[in-house]
């Protein structure tokens, strides 16, 4: 169901003025969440002089330091570059042209740039967030409010076919709003708006505003966990390493010259405190061992958490005046390093659609937003599931799964056509089928 078609049918959202004593303000777009999705969108709107406000419940310092993803696909980097948002990224990111699979005690390099002509960029999400906040708030003077509390979106059922320039009539008739508590004064503030962009992640509040009878949430549980680790240790390989081992998957990803991200497959309900320093490094050494490989550089573990590996997709990603982007609309386990890239893709489409609407009145981008996002989103989901079977087959305890997953891996390494397909999917190239 399209956003405008569904807008007139639901009655479940709160009225726009559910807090009559809140101090009212006005803007055109309220963006809930200051991650890569929200900040990319905010910069696009700000550059086009479309009024917007970003609301974030954490502090600026927190979001600029929060450990998250670290790989950007080249199409995403080029898209940010075209919008003037990648200067620091291109200056400081490390470009990767290959990855390495390790299994049965052997190393197998996969030169995906030679195969496809495209690269990955290593640029941790906190650095990208820092860049985007700086550009939006400090350089372009955008309105971003940190530390807000009790965020309540409402009024998304407003008739989307009304013209947005009829401001007085729209406010009187009822329209979208987002109410929150100011962290400094403690007073309630109501932002009346024309659109709400839900970029507040998997645990945010905007997705819950989608009426249950108009949305489907598709979920997939991989049945495994990954122990996510950050080590104060130089990378032990110049490229990403995937260890396929009967004891479980292991991953090595550089984050900086001094910090390395590691993953260890584990039961999804494992307690990270049960993984001592000695146990972690013993497992990493065992699962990433291969002839001729450089010994792992050990270091202090500065992050240690268990990720229960699951994915979900919210369909449609829009309802009425609410548009979801990033993890609020879809979650991707870090199996294929796709999450941050898909969030940027959503925001590029939504930003361009809103700019077109306010610039020329063309609402085709808004009407087609969900379908356009989901084409790529489902491709990334399918690839994540496929790659999970490769990573986890050897440790599944099922000889058939182990055998078929190894057959897939050897085909990628030996067959040029299979290698090209894998490289294109791995790098996010030509995936909007």
Protein backbone atom coordinates (compact mmCIF):
# COMPACT_ATOMS: atom_id res chain seq x y z
CA UNK A 1 0.00 0.00 0.00
CA UNK A 2 1.41 3.42 -0.90
CA UNK A 3 1.82 6.13 1.71
CA UNK A 4 -0.90 8.43 0.35
CA UNK A 5 -3.34 5.59 -0.29
CA UNK A 6 -3.02 4.40 3.29
CA UNK A 7 -3.17 7.84 4.86
CA UNK A 8 -6.94 8.15 4.76
CA UNK A 9 -7.80 4.72 6.13
CA UNK A 10 -6.16 4.43 9.55
CA UNK A 11 -7.40 5.96 12.77
CA UNK A 12 -4.88 4.54 15.23
CA UNK A 13 -2.34 7.35 15.43
CA UNK A 14 -2.61 9.96 18.16
CA UNK A 15 -4.07 13.37 17.31
CA UNK A 16 -1.51 15.96 16.30
CA UNK A 17 -2.15 18.12 19.36
CA UNK A 18 -2.07 15.49 22.09
CA UNK A 19 -0.07 17.88 24.33
CA UNK A 20 -2.07 21.13 24.30
CA UNK A 21 0.19 22.72 26.92
CA UNK A 22 3.43 21.99 25.07
CA UNK A 23 5.22 25.01 23.62
CA UNK A 24 4.56 24.83 19.85
CA UNK A 25 7.13 25.35 17.12
CA UNK A 26 6.98 24.74 13.39
CA UNK A 27 9.17 23.18 10.75
CA UNK A 28 8.63 21.20 7.58
CA UNK A 29 10.38 17.91 8.39
CA UNK A 30 11.20 16.44 11.79
CA UNK A 31 13.94 13.82 11.66
CA UNK A 32 13.95 11.52 14.68
CA UNK A 33 17.43 10.06 15.18
CA UNK A 34 20.94 11.31 14.43
CA UNK A 35 22.62 8.24 12.99
CA UNK A 36 23.88 7.92 9.40
CA UNK A 37 20.31 7.79 8.06
CA UNK A 38 19.02 10.85 9.87
CA UNK A 39 22.13 12.95 9.35
CA UNK A 40 22.45 12.14 5.66
CA UNK A 41 18.82 13.12 5.18
CA UNK A 42 19.26 16.29 7.23
CA UNK A 43 22.22 17.42 5.14
CA UNK A 44 20.34 16.83 1.88
CA UNK A 45 17.38 18.86 3.09
CA UNK A 46 19.53 21.63 4.54
CA UNK A 47 21.46 21.97 1.28
CA UNK A 48 18.14 22.41 -0.55
CA UNK A 49 16.83 24.96 2.01
CA UNK A 50 14.08 22.64 3.21
CA UNK A 51 13.46 23.45 6.88
CA UNK A 52 14.06 20.49 9.18
CA UNK A 53 14.88 19.70 12.79
CA UNK A 54 16.83 16.65 13.99
CA UNK A 55 15.94 15.17 17.39
CA UNK A 56 18.39 12.84 19.14
CA UNK A 57 18.04 11.41 22.64
CA UNK A 58 21.77 10.94 23.15
CA UNK A 59 24.45 13.62 23.47
CA UNK A 60 26.61 14.73 20.59
CA UNK A 61 29.66 13.31 22.32
CA UNK A 62 27.97 9.93 22.67
CA UNK A 63 26.93 9.50 19.04
CA UNK A 64 30.35 10.63 17.84
CA UNK A 65 32.04 7.87 19.88
CA UNK A 66 29.51 5.00 19.79
CA UNK A 67 31.15 1.90 18.19
CA UNK A 68 29.25 0.73 15.15
CA UNK A 69 29.79 -0.41 11.57
CA UNK A 70 32.92 0.40 9.63
CA UNK A 71 32.56 -0.55 5.96
CA UNK A 72 31.18 1.65 3.22
CA UNK A 73 30.45 0.43 -0.27
CA UNK A 74 31.91 2.50 -3.07
CA UNK A 75 28.54 3.59 -4.47
CA UNK A 76 27.69 5.07 -1.05
CA UNK A 77 30.99 6.92 -0.85
CA UNK A 78 30.51 8.37 -4.34
CA UNK A 79 26.93 9.40 -3.54
CA UNK A 80 28.10 11.23 -0.41
CA UNK A 81 30.94 12.78 -2.39
CA UNK A 82 28.54 14.20 -4.99
CA UNK A 83 26.68 15.96 -2.18
CA UNK A 84 29.77 17.43 -0.55
CA UNK A 85 29.63 15.04 2.41
CA UNK A 86 32.73 12.91 1.88
CA UNK A 87 35.74 15.22 2.04
CA UNK A 88 37.12 13.85 5.31
CA UNK A 89 36.04 10.34 4.42
CA UNK A 90 38.05 10.34 1.20
CA UNK A 91 41.01 11.93 2.95
CA UNK A 92 41.15 9.45 5.83
CA UNK A 93 39.43 6.21 4.81
CA UNK A 94 41.38 3.15 3.79
CA UNK A 95 40.26 1.57 0.52
CA UNK A 96 40.14 -2.24 0.45
CA UNK A 97 40.38 -4.21 -2.77
CA UNK A 98 40.27 -7.80 -1.51
CA UNK A 99 39.21 -10.04 1.33
CA UNK A 100 40.50 -13.38 2.56
CA UNK A 101 38.75 -16.62 3.42
CA UNK A 102 40.49 -19.07 5.74
CA UNK A 103 39.36 -22.65 6.04
CA UNK A 104 40.99 -26.07 6.42
CA UNK A 105 44.20 -24.34 7.48
CA UNK A 106 44.58 -22.50 4.15
CA UNK A 107 44.32 -18.87 3.04
CA UNK A 108 42.33 -17.89 -0.04
CA UNK A 109 42.45 -14.28 -1.21
CA UNK A 110 39.45 -12.94 -3.11
CA UNK A 111 40.46 -9.85 -5.17
CA UNK A 112 37.03 -8.28 -5.60
CA UNK A 113 38.37 -5.05 -7.13
CA UNK A 114 40.11 -7.01 -9.87
CA UNK A 115 36.88 -8.93 -10.42
CA UNK A 116 34.39 -6.04 -10.33
CA UNK A 117 36.35 -2.79 -10.48
CA UNK A 118 34.90 -1.58 -7.16
CA UNK A 119 36.22 -1.25 -3.61
CA UNK A 120 35.21 -1.11 0.03
CA UNK A 121 36.15 1.82 2.26
CA UNK A 122 37.02 1.37 5.93
CA UNK A 123 35.56 4.34 7.79
CA UNK A 124 34.04 3.67 11.21
CA UNK A 125 30.52 4.94 11.68
CA UNK A 126 31.46 7.31 14.56
CA UNK A 127 33.76 9.18 12.17
CA UNK A 128 31.07 9.46 9.52
CA UNK A 129 28.55 10.63 12.13
CA UNK A 130 31.06 13.22 13.35
CA UNK A 131 31.53 14.50 9.80
CA UNK A 132 27.80 14.65 9.09
CA UNK A 133 26.98 16.42 12.37
CA UNK A 134 29.72 18.95 11.73
CA UNK A 135 28.51 19.63 8.19
CA UNK A 136 24.87 19.92 9.17
CA UNK A 137 25.14 21.82 12.45
CA UNK A 138 28.45 23.69 12.39
CA UNK A 139 28.94 24.44 8.70
CA UNK A 140 25.37 24.69 7.40
CA UNK A 141 23.75 25.94 10.60
CA UNK A 142 21.18 23.15 10.82
CA UNK A 143 18.92 22.67 13.83
CA UNK A 144 19.80 19.54 15.82
CA UNK A 145 18.65 19.01 19.40
CA UNK A 146 20.54 16.52 21.53
CA UNK A 147 19.50 14.81 24.74
CA UNK A 148 15.76 15.13 24.14
CA UNK A 149 13.50 12.86 26.17
CA UNK A 150 10.07 11.23 25.84
CA UNK A 151 9.80 11.75 22.10
CA UNK A 152 6.19 11.27 20.90
CA UNK A 153 5.37 11.47 17.18
CA UNK A 154 1.69 11.91 16.31
CA UNK A 155 -0.74 12.88 13.59
CA UNK A 156 0.75 10.91 10.72
CA UNK A 157 -2.71 10.27 9.24
CA UNK A 158 -2.97 13.84 7.89
CA UNK A 159 -4.14 13.85 4.27
CA UNK A 160 -1.00 13.79 2.18
CA UNK A 161 -2.79 15.10 -0.91
CA UNK A 162 -3.22 18.56 0.69
CA UNK A 163 -0.86 21.25 -0.56
CA UNK A 164 1.86 21.98 1.97
CA UNK A 165 1.84 25.72 1.30
CA UNK A 166 -1.59 26.02 2.89
CA UNK A 167 0.13 26.31 6.24
CA UNK A 168 -2.55 27.93 8.40
CA UNK A 169 -5.33 25.64 7.28
CA UNK A 170 -3.15 22.55 7.72
CA UNK A 171 -2.19 23.47 11.28
CA UNK A 172 -5.78 24.18 12.19
CA UNK A 173 -7.04 20.93 10.67
CA UNK A 174 -4.52 18.72 12.45
CA UNK A 175 -1.18 17.54 11.12
CA UNK A 176 1.94 15.64 12.10
CA UNK A 177 3.83 16.71 15.18
CA UNK A 178 6.61 15.45 17.42
CA UNK A 179 6.54 16.34 21.11
CA UNK A 180 9.55 15.97 23.40
CA UNK A 181 10.96 17.10 26.73
CA UNK A 182 13.68 19.73 26.57
CA UNK A 183 16.67 18.36 28.54
CA UNK A 184 17.65 21.77 29.93
CA UNK A 185 14.31 23.31 30.90
CA UNK A 186 12.24 20.17 31.42
CA UNK A 187 9.36 21.70 29.45
CA UNK A 188 7.42 19.91 26.74
CA UNK A 189 8.02 21.20 23.21
CA UNK A 190 5.79 20.38 20.25
CA UNK A 191 7.21 20.54 16.75
CA UNK A 192 4.37 20.82 14.25
CA UNK A 193 5.56 19.62 10.86
CA UNK A 194 4.57 18.28 7.48
CA UNK A 195 6.56 15.05 7.45
CA UNK A 196 8.24 12.85 10.05
CA UNK A 197 11.33 10.84 9.13
CA UNK A 198 11.80 7.88 11.47
CA UNK A 199 15.56 7.34 11.59
CA UNK A 200 15.71 6.26 15.24
CA UNK A 201 16.85 2.68 14.81
CA UNK A 202 15.63 -0.71 15.91
CA UNK A 203 14.65 0.45 19.41
CA UNK A 204 13.15 3.78 18.38
CA UNK A 205 9.61 5.08 18.77
CA UNK A 206 8.63 5.94 15.20
CA UNK A 207 8.16 2.41 13.90
CA UNK A 208 5.58 1.74 16.62
CA UNK A 209 3.40 4.48 15.11
CA UNK A 210 2.82 2.33 12.02
CA UNK A 211 -0.70 0.83 12.34
CA UNK A 212 -0.40 -2.94 12.79
CA UNK A 213 -3.16 -3.62 10.28
CA UNK A 214 -1.27 -1.76 7.54
CA UNK A 215 2.25 -3.11 8.01
CA UNK A 216 4.03 -6.45 7.82
CA UNK A 217 7.20 -7.13 9.77
CA UNK A 218 9.13 -10.04 8.24
CA UNK A 219 11.78 -11.56 10.52
CA UNK A 220 14.55 -14.11 10.18
CA UNK A 221 16.54 -15.59 13.05
CA UNK A 222 19.90 -17.07 12.09
CA UNK A 223 20.03 -19.19 15.23
CA UNK A 224 23.56 -18.08 16.15
CA UNK A 225 25.22 -15.27 18.02
CA UNK A 226 28.35 -13.28 17.32
CA UNK A 227 30.60 -12.05 20.07
CA UNK A 228 31.47 -8.54 18.85
CA UNK A 229 34.88 -7.38 19.99
CA UNK A 230 36.99 -4.25 19.63
CA UNK A 231 40.65 -4.74 20.42
CA UNK A 232 43.28 -2.10 21.04
CA UNK A 233 45.58 -3.92 18.67
CA UNK A 234 46.91 -3.17 15.19
CA UNK A 235 45.23 -5.16 12.41
CA UNK A 236 46.88 -8.49 11.70
CA UNK A 237 45.98 -8.43 8.03
CA UNK A 238 45.74 -5.73 5.39
CA UNK A 239 42.26 -6.95 4.45
CA UNK A 240 39.12 -8.38 6.01
CA UNK A 241 39.50 -12.03 7.02
CA UNK A 242 36.68 -14.54 7.31
CA UNK A 243 37.50 -17.70 9.23
CA UNK A 244 35.32 -20.71 8.40
CA UNK A 245 35.95 -23.26 11.14
CA UNK A 246 34.17 -26.23 12.79
CA UNK A 247 34.45 -24.39 16.13
CA UNK A 248 32.56 -21.44 14.67
CA UNK A 249 32.96 -18.44 12.40
CA UNK A 250 35.58 -15.78 13.18
CA UNK A 251 36.05 -12.41 11.55
CA UNK A 252 38.87 -9.86 11.47
CA UNK A 253 38.20 -6.29 10.27
CA UNK A 254 40.55 -3.32 10.56
CA UNK A 255 39.00 -0.20 12.08
CA UNK A 256 42.11 1.98 12.36
CA UNK A 257 45.89 1.49 12.54
CA UNK A 258 45.46 0.89 16.27
CA UNK A 259 42.05 -0.80 16.58
CA UNK A 260 40.69 -4.06 15.14
CA UNK A 261 37.15 -5.39 15.09
CA UNK A 262 36.81 -9.14 15.70
CA UNK A 263 33.79 -11.43 15.67
CA UNK A 264 33.42 -14.91 17.16
CA UNK A 265 30.42 -17.14 16.55
CA UNK A 266 28.81 -18.20 19.82
CA UNK A 267 25.40 -19.24 21.17
CA UNK A 268 22.97 -16.29 20.92
CA UNK A 269 22.30 -16.33 24.68
CA UNK A 270 25.97 -16.33 25.72
CA UNK A 271 27.04 -13.91 28.44
CA UNK A 272 29.96 -11.79 27.18
CA UNK A 273 31.40 -11.84 30.69
CA UNK A 274 31.99 -15.56 30.26
CA UNK A 275 34.49 -14.70 27.53
CA UNK A 276 37.71 -13.88 29.33
CA UNK A 277 40.64 -12.21 27.61
CA UNK A 278 42.44 -15.54 27.43
CA UNK A 279 39.43 -17.41 26.05
CA UNK A 280 38.77 -14.80 23.36
CA UNK A 281 42.30 -14.80 22.05
CA UNK A 282 42.60 -18.59 22.19
CA UNK A 283 39.49 -18.93 20.01
CA UNK A 284 40.59 -16.23 17.59
CA UNK A 285 43.99 -17.87 17.16
CA UNK A 286 42.37 -21.27 16.59
CA UNK A 287 39.65 -20.16 14.15
CA UNK A 288 41.82 -17.79 12.10
CA UNK A 289 44.87 -20.06 11.89
CA UNK A 290 46.18 -20.74 8.37
CA UNK A 291 49.50 -21.57 6.77
CA UNK A 292 51.53 -18.45 6.11
CA UNK A 293 49.19 -16.14 8.02
CA UNK A 294 50.63 -13.40 10.19
CA UNK A 295 50.15 -14.12 13.91
CA UNK A 296 47.34 -12.13 15.47
CA UNK A 297 48.28 -8.95 17.30
CA UNK A 298 46.70 -9.21 20.72
CA UNK A 299 45.52 -6.25 22.76
CA UNK A 300 43.11 -4.99 25.37
CA UNK A 301 39.44 -5.69 24.60
CA UNK A 302 37.59 -2.37 24.79
CA UNK A 303 34.23 -3.73 23.64
CA UNK A 304 32.66 -7.13 24.21
CA UNK A 305 28.99 -7.84 23.51
CA UNK A 306 26.93 -10.71 22.10
CA UNK A 307 24.78 -10.02 19.06
CA UNK A 308 21.81 -12.35 18.54
CA UNK A 309 21.91 -12.58 14.77
CA UNK A 310 18.56 -11.75 13.24
CA UNK A 311 17.14 -9.60 10.44
CA UNK A 312 13.79 -7.93 9.87
CA UNK A 313 12.03 -5.86 7.23
CA UNK A 314 9.12 -3.48 7.77
CA UNK A 315 6.86 -3.31 4.73
CA UNK A 316 5.80 -0.76 3.63
CA UNK A 317 8.39 1.70 4.93
CA UNK A 318 5.95 4.63 4.76
CA UNK A 319 2.50 5.39 6.11
CA UNK A 320 0.74 8.72 5.85
CA UNK A 321 3.26 11.42 6.70
CA UNK A 322 5.73 9.02 8.33
CA UNK A 323 8.70 7.64 6.40
CA UNK A 324 11.10 5.14 7.97
CA UNK A 325 14.78 4.94 7.06
CA UNK A 326 17.67 2.83 8.27
CA UNK A 327 17.34 0.34 11.11
CA UNK A 328 13.87 1.56 12.04
CA UNK A 329 12.71 0.04 8.73
CA UNK A 330 15.03 -2.94 8.40
CA UNK A 331 17.71 -4.62 10.42
CA UNK A 332 20.67 -6.45 8.93
CA UNK A 333 22.96 -8.53 11.10
CA UNK A 334 26.62 -7.59 10.42
CA UNK A 335 27.10 -10.69 8.26
CA UNK A 336 27.47 -8.77 5.00
CA UNK A 337 28.46 -5.31 6.35
CA UNK A 338 25.33 -3.83 4.75
CA UNK A 339 23.48 -1.95 7.50
CA UNK A 340 25.08 1.49 7.29
CA UNK A 341 25.09 1.34 3.50
CA UNK A 342 21.39 0.53 3.33
CA UNK A 343 20.61 3.37 5.77
CA UNK A 344 22.43 5.81 3.49
CA UNK A 345 20.56 4.44 0.47
CA UNK A 346 17.20 5.06 2.17
CA UNK A 347 18.15 8.60 3.10
CA UNK A 348 19.37 9.49 -0.38
CA UNK A 349 16.04 8.40 -1.83
CA UNK A 350 13.96 10.09 0.85
CA UNK A 351 16.00 13.28 0.73
CA UNK A 352 15.69 13.56 -3.05
CA UNK A 353 11.96 12.80 -2.86
CA UNK A 354 11.33 15.55 -0.30
CA UNK A 355 13.47 18.06 -2.21
CA UNK A 356 11.53 17.30 -5.40
CA UNK A 357 8.23 17.69 -3.57
CA UNK A 358 9.11 21.05 -2.08
CA UNK A 359 10.88 22.24 -5.20
CA UNK A 360 8.38 21.37 -7.93
CA UNK A 361 5.47 19.64 -6.23
CA UNK A 362 6.52 16.31 -7.72
CA UNK A 363 5.39 13.66 -5.22
CA UNK A 364 6.32 10.61 -7.28
CA UNK A 365 9.46 10.02 -5.22
CA UNK A 366 7.47 10.00 -1.99
CA UNK A 367 4.82 7.71 -3.43
CA UNK A 368 7.48 5.31 -4.73
CA UNK A 369 9.86 5.59 -1.77
CA UNK A 370 9.00 2.36 0.01
CA UNK A 371 9.05 0.20 -3.12
CA UNK A 372 12.36 1.68 -4.28
CA UNK A 373 14.01 1.12 -0.89
CA UNK A 374 12.70 -2.40 -0.55
CA UNK A 375 14.10 -3.53 -3.89
CA UNK A 376 17.62 -3.04 -2.62
CA UNK A 377 16.70 -3.97 0.93
CA UNK A 378 15.46 -7.43 0.00
CA UNK A 379 18.54 -8.05 -2.16
CA UNK A 380 20.74 -7.24 0.83
CA UNK A 381 18.64 -9.48 3.04
CA UNK A 382 18.93 -12.39 0.61
CA UNK A 383 22.68 -11.94 0.33
CA UNK A 384 23.01 -11.80 4.11
CA UNK A 385 21.13 -15.09 4.45
CA UNK A 386 23.19 -16.72 1.68
CA UNK A 387 26.48 -15.56 3.20
CA UNK A 388 25.42 -16.72 6.65
CA UNK A 389 25.10 -20.26 5.31
CA UNK A 390 28.66 -20.03 3.97
CA UNK A 391 30.02 -18.68 7.26
CA UNK A 392 28.16 -21.02 9.59
CA UNK A 393 27.88 -24.26 7.63
CA UNK A 394 31.10 -25.77 8.96
CA UNK A 395 30.01 -25.23 12.58
CA UNK A 396 26.35 -26.18 12.12
CA UNK A 397 26.82 -29.79 13.20
CA UNK A 398 25.02 -30.81 10.02
CA UNK A 399 27.32 -32.60 7.54
CA UNK A 400 25.02 -31.72 4.63
CA UNK A 401 25.06 -27.99 5.44
CA UNK A 402 28.81 -28.14 5.94
CA UNK A 403 29.29 -29.80 2.56
CA UNK A 404 27.02 -27.46 0.60
CA UNK A 405 28.43 -24.32 2.20
CA UNK A 406 31.94 -25.42 1.31
CA UNK A 407 30.83 -26.12 -2.26
CA UNK A 408 29.53 -22.56 -2.51
CA UNK A 409 32.77 -21.13 -1.19
CA UNK A 410 34.96 -23.13 -3.54
CA UNK A 411 32.78 -22.11 -6.48
CA UNK A 412 33.24 -18.43 -5.64
CA UNK A 413 37.00 -18.93 -5.54
CA UNK A 414 37.28 -21.02 -8.69
CA UNK A 415 34.60 -19.85 -11.13
CA UNK A 416 34.97 -16.38 -12.73
CA UNK A 417 31.20 -15.98 -13.34
CA UNK A 418 30.44 -16.98 -9.74
CA UNK A 419 33.19 -14.65 -8.51
CA UNK A 420 31.69 -11.70 -10.41
CA UNK A 421 28.20 -12.29 -9.02
CA UNK A 422 29.57 -12.57 -5.50
CA UNK A 423 31.72 -9.45 -5.87
CA UNK A 424 28.80 -7.37 -7.15
CA UNK A 425 26.57 -8.46 -4.26
CA UNK A 426 29.35 -8.11 -1.69
CA UNK A 427 30.00 -4.54 -2.85
CA UNK A 428 26.36 -3.58 -3.35
CA UNK A 429 26.75 -3.01 -7.08
CA UNK A 430 23.73 -3.33 -9.38
CA UNK A 431 21.51 -4.74 -6.64
CA UNK A 432 18.26 -2.87 -7.38
CA UNK A 433 16.81 -5.68 -9.47
